[in-house]
Every structure is written in C-alpha cells, then in structure tokens.
Amino acid sequence: MRMLEMVAYPLAREERDAVLGDMLEIGETGSKAIFAVIGLVLRREMLLWQSWRPWVAGLGIALPFSFPLIGSSLGVSWSYLHAVSTNSTGYPTTTLLSLLCQGLLLIGWSWSAGYVTGLISRRTLWASAVLCLAPCLFCETRFHNPSLSRLSLLLFLAPALAGVWMGWRKMRIAPGAATALAMTLAALMLARWNHGGVSMLSCFLLWPTFYLMSNSMRSSVRTTQA
C-alpha cells in the first residue's frame, strides 16, 4: 500500500484519495494496481502539457532565464569583490551605487521570474526546476576562479525560490505593488543601460514583471466586478 501511495502522489489530492480508496475497496494493492495508477498519472501529466502554461514556464522562463541570471549573479559578486578591495581607501560612491543597482535588478528579475513560474505551472513545477538547474550544474562544473566561490553563480536562487513559493501558493500581489516593481526595474535597467551595464538581451528578463502587473490588474478588476 505504501508503494501505491507513492506512485499516486502526483495526482491531485481529491483524485488521489478517490483512487486509493477504490483500490482498497476492491482489495487490489499489488503490481496490477501500481501499474494502473502509473498509467493514470501519465495520462494526467500528458493533459497538463496540452496547455500553454508549462511550456511558457519551462521554455519561456526557467531555461532561458538561467544563463543571464547566472551571469548577473557573477556580476554582483565581482562588484562586491571590487568594493571590498577598495575598503582601504573607502567605498567609492559610484561603486556602491553600481552594486546596489545590480543587486536590486538581480533580486527583482529572479523573484518575478520565480513567481510567474510558480503561478502558471503549479502541477508541472518539477519540469521547470529541472530546466533551471541543468544550466546551473553545467556552469558550476566549468567555473574555475580562485577569487570567487562557485556559489557566487547561484545568488539568484534565493529570491527565485521565494518567488516560486509565493506564486505556487497563489499569494496575491496588489496592482500598485506590481506596477511599482515593474517601473522600478525598468528605471534601474535604463540607468544601467546609460552606463553600458546591461545588454538588449537583459530586457527579456522584464517580461515576467509586466505579466505579473497585468495579471494583478485583471485579478483586481474581477474582484471588483464580483
């Protein structure tokens, strides 16, 4: 019975309880029941992938965002190392502002990407996690720099995981807060752009933020109309 519960775990709770209850009622808990439940799980999983949501979460966020966020994490680490190396003469204002701007952008990009991923692909979150972690492992195994730890490549994971958790829990973001986040990140990117600190590719990292803003506004309108 324990094995049957394990293979049925990916099912929605109500359906899982119903399936296990039926198996228990007919006294079927052996290999036949296990294969039957596995078949049901696979059919349900295939139905999930008929929607646009897991594809956008996996191929529109998790995979393509990983490499630029790894690069941004490395950039923040280098800026911090540079700031620390100038400690004897004091922290230059430009260095601190650059580090602050980079850090805020990294947090904003990572959190918003994680939130949207958790929001739109709750049942296929495992696939998004694999697509995100694969580039991380690839870069980790090829990173060799005595000045920085390999963990410096993964600074984005903490805010990203916080965003995933909030999106998965469907925690509501007020339209004002979502708009402020989008506008702040856009302003920070513009400031960095003027100093050659971001590329055109980095603009792609903004789309989850604007999706979040649009989604929060639609939710607010529906709540008002109800």
C-alpha atoms as a PDB file:
ATOM      1  CA  MET A   1       0.000   0.000   0.000  1.00  0.00           C
ATOM      2  CA  ARG A   2       2.895   2.323   0.731  1.00  0.00           C
ATOM      3  CA  MET A   3       4.242   1.926  -2.814  1.00  0.00           C
ATOM      4  CA  LEU A   4       0.776   2.594  -4.216  1.00  0.00           C
ATOM      5  CA  GLU A   5       0.571   5.836  -2.249  1.00  0.00           C
ATOM      6  CA  MET A   6       3.954   6.918  -3.581  1.00  0.00           C
ATOM      7  CA  VAL A   7       3.108   6.397  -7.260  1.00  0.00           C
ATOM      8  CA  ALA A   8      -0.263   8.129  -6.753  1.00  0.00           C
ATOM      9  CA  TYR A   9       1.307  11.183  -5.110  1.00  0.00           C
ATOM     10  CA  PRO A  10       1.468  13.319  -8.325  1.00  0.00           C
ATOM     11  CA  LEU A  11      -2.336  13.172  -8.618  1.00  0.00           C
ATOM     12  CA  ALA A  12      -4.485  15.942  -7.192  1.00  0.00           C
ATOM     13  CA  ARG A  13      -5.351  15.231  -3.561  1.00  0.00           C
ATOM     14  CA  GLU A  14      -9.051  14.573  -4.171  1.00  0.00           C
ATOM     15  CA  GLU A  15      -8.378  12.244  -7.082  1.00  0.00           C
ATOM     16  CA  ARG A  16      -5.550  10.515  -5.199  1.00  0.00           C
ATOM     17  CA  ASP A  17      -7.799   9.816  -2.224  1.00  0.00           C
ATOM     18  CA  ALA A  18     -10.543   8.518  -4.519  1.00  0.00           C
ATOM     19  CA  VAL A  19      -8.190   6.224  -6.437  1.00  0.00           C
ATOM     20  CA  LEU A  20      -6.581   4.816  -3.295  1.00  0.00           C
ATOM     21  CA  GLY A  21      -9.986   4.344  -1.729  1.00  0.00           C
ATOM     22  CA  ASP A  22     -11.236   2.404  -4.761  1.00  0.00           C
ATOM     23  CA  MET A  23      -8.138   0.200  -4.777  1.00  0.00           C
ATOM     24  CA  LEU A  24      -8.556  -0.505  -1.089  1.00  0.00           C
ATOM     25  CA  GLU A  25     -12.234  -1.265  -1.519  1.00  0.00           C
ATOM     26  CA  ILE A  26     -11.637  -3.897  -4.203  1.00  0.00           C
ATOM     27  CA  GLY A  27      -8.612  -5.246  -2.331  1.00  0.00           C
ATOM     28  CA  GLU A  28      -6.172  -4.506  -5.155  1.00  0.00           C
ATOM     29  CA  THR A  29      -2.810  -3.210  -3.902  1.00  0.00           C
ATOM     30  CA  GLY A  30      -0.327  -5.313  -5.864  1.00  0.00           C
ATOM     31  CA  SER A  31       1.642  -4.707  -9.040  1.00  0.00           C
ATOM     32  CA  LYS A  32      -1.510  -4.540 -11.166  1.00  0.00           C
ATOM     33  CA  ALA A  33      -2.827  -1.643  -9.112  1.00  0.00           C
ATOM     34  CA  ILE A  34       0.544   0.099  -9.176  1.00  0.00           C
ATOM     35  CA  PHE A  35       0.758  -0.057 -12.984  1.00  0.00           C
ATOM     36  CA  ALA A  36      -2.846   1.118 -13.270  1.00  0.00           C
ATOM     37  CA  VAL A  37      -2.109   4.154 -11.106  1.00  0.00           C
ATOM     38  CA  ILE A  38       1.108   4.884 -13.026  1.00  0.00           C
ATOM     39  CA  GLY A  39      -0.895   4.849 -16.250  1.00  0.00           C
ATOM     40  CA  LEU A  40      -3.407   7.265 -14.758  1.00  0.00           C
ATOM     41  CA  VAL A  41      -0.629   9.588 -13.566  1.00  0.00           C
ATOM     42  CA  LEU A  42       0.962   9.605 -17.039  1.00  0.00           C
ATOM     43  CA  ARG A  43      -2.375  10.394 -18.694  1.00  0.00           C
ATOM     44  CA  ARG A  44      -2.983  13.275 -16.291  1.00  0.00           C
ATOM     45  CA  GLU A  45       0.550  14.548 -16.906  1.00  0.00           C
ATOM     46  CA  MET A  46       0.029  14.489 -20.670  1.00  0.00           C
ATOM     47  CA  LEU A  47      -3.166  16.502 -20.259  1.00  0.00           C
ATOM     48  CA  LEU A  48      -1.266  19.156 -18.311  1.00  0.00           C
ATOM     49  CA  TRP A  49       1.200  19.605 -21.179  1.00  0.00           C
ATOM     50  CA  GLN A  50      -1.613  20.334 -23.627  1.00  0.00           C
ATOM     51  CA  SER A  51      -1.848  23.772 -22.024  1.00  0.00           C
ATOM     52  CA  TRP A  52       0.461  26.699 -22.871  1.00  0.00           C
ATOM     53  CA  ARG A  53       1.348  27.243 -19.225  1.00  0.00           C
ATOM     54  CA  PRO A  54       4.024  24.575 -18.595  1.00  0.00           C
ATOM     55  CA  TRP A  55       5.683  25.377 -21.926  1.00  0.00           C
ATOM     56  CA  VAL A  56       5.913  29.080 -21.145  1.00  0.00           C
ATOM     57  CA  ALA A  57       7.128  28.374 -17.596  1.00  0.00           C
ATOM     58  CA  GLY A  58       9.778  25.913 -18.742  1.00  0.00           C
ATOM     59  CA  LEU A  59      10.919  27.213 -22.131  1.00  0.00           C
ATOM     60  CA  GLY A  60       9.940  30.848 -21.662  1.00  0.00           C
ATOM     61  CA  ILE A  61      11.344  31.398 -18.167  1.00  0.00           C
ATOM     62  CA  ALA A  62      13.172  28.537 -16.414  1.00  0.00           C
ATOM     63  CA  LEU A  63      15.608  27.586 -19.171  1.00  0.00           C
ATOM     64  CA  PRO A  64      16.300  30.899 -20.973  1.00  0.00           C
ATOM     65  CA  PHE A  65      16.454  32.917 -17.732  1.00  0.00           C
ATOM     66  CA  SER A  66      19.003  30.650 -16.072  1.00  0.00           C
ATOM     67  CA  PHE A  67      22.061  31.740 -18.038  1.00  0.00           C
ATOM     68  CA  PRO A  68      21.528  35.536 -17.808  1.00  0.00           C
ATOM     69  CA  LEU A  69      20.675  35.244 -14.104  1.00  0.00           C
ATOM     70  CA  ILE A  70      23.836  33.217 -13.530  1.00  0.00           C
ATOM     71  CA  GLY A  71      25.745  35.950 -15.356  1.00  0.00           C
ATOM     72  CA  SER A  72      24.045  38.637 -13.287  1.00  0.00           C
ATOM     73  CA  SER A  73      24.884  36.752 -10.084  1.00  0.00           C
ATOM     74  CA  LEU A  74      28.502  36.626 -11.168  1.00  0.00           C
ATOM     75  CA  GLY A  75      28.397  40.362 -11.960  1.00  0.00           C
ATOM     76  CA  VAL A  76      27.096  41.185  -8.489  1.00  0.00           C
ATOM     77  CA  SER A  77      29.813  39.017  -6.952  1.00  0.00           C
ATOM     78  CA  TRP A  78      32.529  40.772  -8.944  1.00  0.00           C
ATOM     79  CA  SER A  79      31.164  44.197  -7.998  1.00  0.00           C
ATOM     80  CA  TYR A  80      31.134  43.212  -4.333  1.00  0.00           C
ATOM     81  CA  LEU A  81      34.693  41.903  -4.589  1.00  0.00           C
ATOM     82  CA  HIS A  82      35.751  45.177  -6.205  1.00  0.00           C
ATOM     83  CA  ALA A  83      34.055  47.183  -3.462  1.00  0.00           C
ATOM     84  CA  VAL A  84      35.763  45.138  -0.748  1.00  0.00           C
ATOM     85  CA  SER A  85      39.151  45.535  -2.441  1.00  0.00           C
ATOM     86  CA  THR A  86      38.835  49.330  -2.200  1.00  0.00           C
ATOM     87  CA  ASN A  87      37.996  49.217   1.502  1.00  0.00           C
ATOM     88  CA  SER A  88      41.326  50.773   2.500  1.00  0.00           C
ATOM     89  CA  THR A  89      40.506  53.987   0.648  1.00  0.00           C
ATOM     90  CA  GLY A  90      36.771  53.938   1.361  1.00  0.00           C
ATOM     91  CA  TYR A  91      33.915  52.746  -0.815  1.00  0.00           C
ATOM     92  CA  PRO A  92      33.553  54.945  -3.920  1.00  0.00           C
ATOM     93  CA  THR A  93      30.012  56.232  -4.357  1.00  0.00           C
ATOM     94  CA  THR A  94      29.859  55.025  -7.948  1.00  0.00           C
ATOM     95  CA  THR A  95      30.926  51.515  -6.921  1.00  0.00           C
ATOM     96  CA  LEU A  96      28.301  51.302  -4.187  1.00  0.00           C
ATOM     97  CA  LEU A  97      25.555  52.643  -6.456  1.00  0.00           C
ATOM     98  CA  SER A  98      26.510  50.177  -9.162  1.00  0.00           C
ATOM     99  CA  LEU A  99      26.499  47.285  -6.679  1.00  0.00           C
ATOM    100  CA  LEU A 100      23.120  48.365  -5.263  1.00  0.00           C
ATOM    101  CA  CYS A 101      21.617  48.701  -8.729  1.00  0.00           C
ATOM    102  CA  GLN A 102      22.927  45.308  -9.818  1.00  0.00           C
ATOM    103  CA  GLY A 103      21.697  43.664  -6.631  1.00  0.00           C
ATOM    104  CA  LEU A 104      18.190  45.131  -6.892  1.00  0.00           C
ATOM    105  CA  LEU A 105      17.917  44.105 -10.532  1.00  0.00           C
ATOM    106  CA  LEU A 106      19.045  40.570  -9.736  1.00  0.00           C
ATOM    107  CA  ILE A 107      16.514  40.255  -6.920  1.00  0.00           C
ATOM    108  CA  GLY A 108      13.697  41.748  -8.993  1.00  0.00           C
ATOM    109  CA  TRP A 109      14.379  39.642 -12.073  1.00  0.00           C
ATOM    110  CA  SER A 110      14.765  36.438 -10.064  1.00  0.00           C
ATOM    111  CA  TRP A 111      11.763  36.934  -7.804  1.00  0.00           C
ATOM    112  CA  SER A 112       9.351  37.908 -10.584  1.00  0.00           C
ATOM    113  CA  ALA A 113      10.514  35.020 -12.791  1.00  0.00           C
ATOM    114  CA  GLY A 114      10.068  32.594  -9.901  1.00  0.00           C
ATOM    115  CA  TYR A 115       6.647  33.990  -9.005  1.00  0.00           C
ATOM    116  CA  VAL A 116       5.262  33.685 -12.530  1.00  0.00           C
ATOM    117  CA  THR A 117       6.728  30.186 -12.906  1.00  0.00           C
ATOM    118  CA  GLY A 118       5.122  29.025  -9.671  1.00  0.00           C
ATOM    119  CA  LEU A 119       1.840  30.714 -10.570  1.00  0.00           C
ATOM    120  CA  ILE A 120       1.321  29.301 -14.049  1.00  0.00           C
ATOM    121  CA  SER A 121       2.885  25.836 -13.697  1.00  0.00           C
ATOM    122  CA  ARG A 122       1.986  24.596 -10.236  1.00  0.00           C
ATOM    123  CA  ARG A 123       1.444  20.990 -11.373  1.00  0.00           C
ATOM    124  CA  THR A 124       4.491  20.914 -13.678  1.00  0.00           C
ATOM    125  CA  LEU A 125       6.883  22.767 -11.418  1.00  0.00           C
ATOM    126  CA  TRP A 126       9.246  19.786 -11.390  1.00  0.00           C
ATOM    127  CA  ALA A 127       9.940  20.245 -15.121  1.00  0.00           C
ATOM    128  CA  SER A 128      10.691  23.948 -14.688  1.00  0.00           C
ATOM    129  CA  ALA A 129      13.042  23.086 -11.818  1.00  0.00           C
ATOM    130  CA  VAL A 130      14.961  20.598 -13.996  1.00  0.00           C
ATOM    131  CA  LEU A 131      15.240  23.117 -16.848  1.00  0.00           C
ATOM    132  CA  CYS A 132      16.573  25.741 -14.435  1.00  0.00           C
ATOM    133  CA  LEU A 133      19.007  23.535 -12.549  1.00  0.00           C
ATOM    134  CA  ALA A 134      20.568  21.949 -15.656  1.00  0.00           C
ATOM    135  CA  PRO A 135      22.325  25.191 -16.740  1.00  0.00           C
ATOM    136  CA  CYS A 136      23.310  25.823 -13.115  1.00  0.00           C
ATOM    137  CA  LEU A 137      25.053  22.460 -12.861  1.00  0.00           C
ATOM    138  CA  PHE A 138      26.653  22.980 -16.286  1.00  0.00           C
ATOM    139  CA  CYS A 139      28.142  26.338 -15.244  1.00  0.00           C
ATOM    140  CA  GLU A 140      29.111  25.114 -11.777  1.00  0.00           C
ATOM    141  CA  THR A 141      31.208  22.281 -13.172  1.00  0.00           C
ATOM    142  CA  ARG A 142      33.038  24.624 -15.544  1.00  0.00           C
ATOM    143  CA  PHE A 143      33.614  27.544 -13.211  1.00  0.00           C
ATOM    144  CA  HIS A 144      37.201  27.851 -12.033  1.00  0.00           C
ATOM    145  CA  ASN A 145      38.145  31.149 -10.425  1.00  0.00           C
ATOM    146  CA  PRO A 146      40.173  31.279  -7.209  1.00  0.00           C
ATOM    147  CA  SER A 147      38.821  34.728  -6.359  1.00  0.00           C
ATOM    148  CA  LEU A 148      35.170  33.663  -6.200  1.00  0.00           C
ATOM    149  CA  SER A 149      33.223  30.743  -4.840  1.00  0.00           C
ATOM    150  CA  ARG A 150      31.100  28.649  -7.164  1.00  0.00           C
ATOM    151  CA  LEU A 151      28.134  29.718  -5.071  1.00  0.00           C
ATOM    152  CA  SER A 152      28.591  33.204  -6.496  1.00  0.00           C
ATOM    153  CA  LEU A 153      26.908  31.894  -9.655  1.00  0.00           C
ATOM    154  CA  LEU A 154      23.753  30.990  -7.758  1.00  0.00           C
ATOM    155  CA  LEU A 155      22.866  34.215  -5.942  1.00  0.00           C
ATOM    156  CA  PHE A 156      19.636  34.398  -7.925  1.00  0.00           C
ATOM    157  CA  LEU A 157      18.270  31.142  -6.498  1.00  0.00           C
ATOM    158  CA  ALA A 158      17.197  32.537  -3.105  1.00  0.00           C
ATOM    159  CA  PRO A 159      14.872  35.283  -4.463  1.00  0.00           C
ATOM    160  CA  ALA A 160      13.749  32.961  -7.270  1.00  0.00           C
ATOM    161  CA  LEU A 161      12.706  30.247  -4.802  1.00  0.00           C
ATOM    162  CA  ALA A 162      10.901  32.824  -2.675  1.00  0.00           C
ATOM    163  CA  GLY A 163       9.013  33.915  -5.794  1.00  0.00           C
ATOM    164  CA  VAL A 164       8.190  30.322  -6.763  1.00  0.00           C
ATOM    165  CA  TRP A 165       6.784  29.635  -3.291  1.00  0.00           C
ATOM    166  CA  MET A 166       4.608  32.759  -3.352  1.00  0.00           C
ATOM    167  CA  GLY A 167       3.372  32.031  -6.876  1.00  0.00           C
ATOM    168  CA  TRP A 168       2.697  28.383  -6.045  1.00  0.00           C
ATOM    169  CA  ARG A 169       0.685  29.483  -3.024  1.00  0.00           C
ATOM    170  CA  LYS A 170      -1.165  31.982  -5.255  1.00  0.00           C
ATOM    171  CA  MET A 171      -0.322  34.812  -2.915  1.00  0.00           C
ATOM    172  CA  ARG A 172      -1.980  37.932  -4.285  1.00  0.00           C
ATOM    173  CA  ILE A 173       0.184  40.856  -5.365  1.00  0.00           C
ATOM    174  CA  ALA A 174      -1.571  44.228  -5.267  1.00  0.00           C
ATOM    175  CA  PRO A 175      -1.689  46.067  -8.640  1.00  0.00           C
ATOM    176  CA  GLY A 176       0.120  49.040  -7.110  1.00  0.00           C
ATOM    177  CA  ALA A 177       2.957  46.881  -5.820  1.00  0.00           C
ATOM    178  CA  ALA A 178       3.268  45.006  -9.131  1.00  0.00           C
ATOM    179  CA  THR A 179       3.305  48.273 -11.084  1.00  0.00           C
ATOM    180  CA  ALA A 180       5.893  49.788  -8.751  1.00  0.00           C
ATOM    181  CA  LEU A 181       8.095  46.710  -9.179  1.00  0.00           C
ATOM    182  CA  ALA A 182       7.870  46.838 -12.984  1.00  0.00           C
ATOM    183  CA  MET A 183       8.573  50.558 -13.153  1.00  0.00           C
ATOM    184  CA  THR A 184      11.452  50.330 -10.668  1.00  0.00           C
ATOM    185  CA  LEU A 185      13.170  47.536 -12.574  1.00  0.00           C
ATOM    186  CA  ALA A 186      12.682  49.375 -15.862  1.00  0.00           C
ATOM    187  CA  ALA A 187      14.189  52.550 -14.350  1.00  0.00           C
ATOM    188  CA  LEU A 188      17.151  50.635 -12.910  1.00  0.00           C
ATOM    189  CA  MET A 189      17.767  48.963 -16.247  1.00  0.00           C
ATOM    190  CA  LEU A 190      17.634  52.330 -18.011  1.00  0.00           C
ATOM    191  CA  ALA A 191      20.155  53.729 -15.549  1.00  0.00           C
ATOM    192  CA  ARG A 192      22.449  50.764 -16.111  1.00  0.00           C
ATOM    193  CA  TRP A 193      21.889  50.972 -19.864  1.00  0.00           C
ATOM    194  CA  ASN A 194      23.201  54.546 -19.933  1.00  0.00           C
ATOM    195  CA  HIS A 195      26.443  53.298 -18.363  1.00  0.00           C
ATOM    196  CA  GLY A 196      26.713  50.211 -20.555  1.00  0.00           C
ATOM    197  CA  GLY A 197      25.817  47.888 -17.680  1.00  0.00           C
ATOM    198  CA  VAL A 198      23.037  45.920 -19.402  1.00  0.00           C
ATOM    199  CA  SER A 199      22.501  44.479 -22.860  1.00  0.00           C
ATOM    200  CA  MET A 200      19.450  44.287 -25.089  1.00  0.00           C
ATOM    201  CA  LEU A 201      19.078  40.639 -24.039  1.00  0.00           C
ATOM    202  CA  SER A 202      18.536  41.759 -20.440  1.00  0.00           C
ATOM    203  CA  CYS A 203      15.294  43.466 -21.483  1.00  0.00           C
ATOM    204  CA  PHE A 204      13.870  39.967 -21.984  1.00  0.00           C
ATOM    205  CA  LEU A 205      14.153  39.441 -18.229  1.00  0.00           C
ATOM    206  CA  LEU A 206      11.469  42.086 -17.671  1.00  0.00           C
ATOM    207  CA  TRP A 207       8.553  40.271 -19.242  1.00  0.00           C
ATOM    208  CA  PRO A 208       7.512  38.249 -16.145  1.00  0.00           C
ATOM    209  CA  THR A 209       7.350  41.518 -14.203  1.00  0.00           C
ATOM    210  CA  PHE A 210       4.961  43.080 -16.700  1.00  0.00           C
ATOM    211  CA  TYR A 211       2.962  39.841 -16.882  1.00  0.00           C
ATOM    212  CA  LEU A 212       2.657  39.997 -13.106  1.00  0.00           C
ATOM    213  CA  MET A 213       1.490  43.609 -13.313  1.00  0.00           C
ATOM    214  CA  SER A 214      -1.108  42.766 -15.963  1.00  0.00           C
ATOM    215  CA  ASN A 215      -2.299  39.680 -14.095  1.00  0.00           C
ATOM    216  CA  SER A 216      -2.679  41.569 -10.793  1.00  0.00           C
ATOM    217  CA  MET A 217      -4.710  44.275 -12.533  1.00  0.00           C
ATOM    218  CA  ARG A 218      -7.022  41.699 -14.138  1.00  0.00           C
ATOM    219  CA  SER A 219      -7.490  39.944 -10.796  1.00  0.00           C
ATOM    220  CA  SER A 220      -8.304  43.256  -9.138  1.00  0.00           C
ATOM    221  CA  VAL A 221     -10.917  44.064 -11.817  1.00  0.00           C
ATOM    222  CA  ARG A 222     -12.541  40.634 -11.465  1.00  0.00           C
ATOM    223  CA  THR A 223     -12.666  41.027  -7.679  1.00  0.00           C
ATOM    224  CA  THR A 224     -14.266  44.460  -8.010  1.00  0.00           C
ATOM    225  CA  GLN A 225     -16.864  43.212 -10.504  1.00  0.00           C
ATOM    226  CA  ALA A 226     -17.724  40.250  -8.302  1.00  0.00           C
END
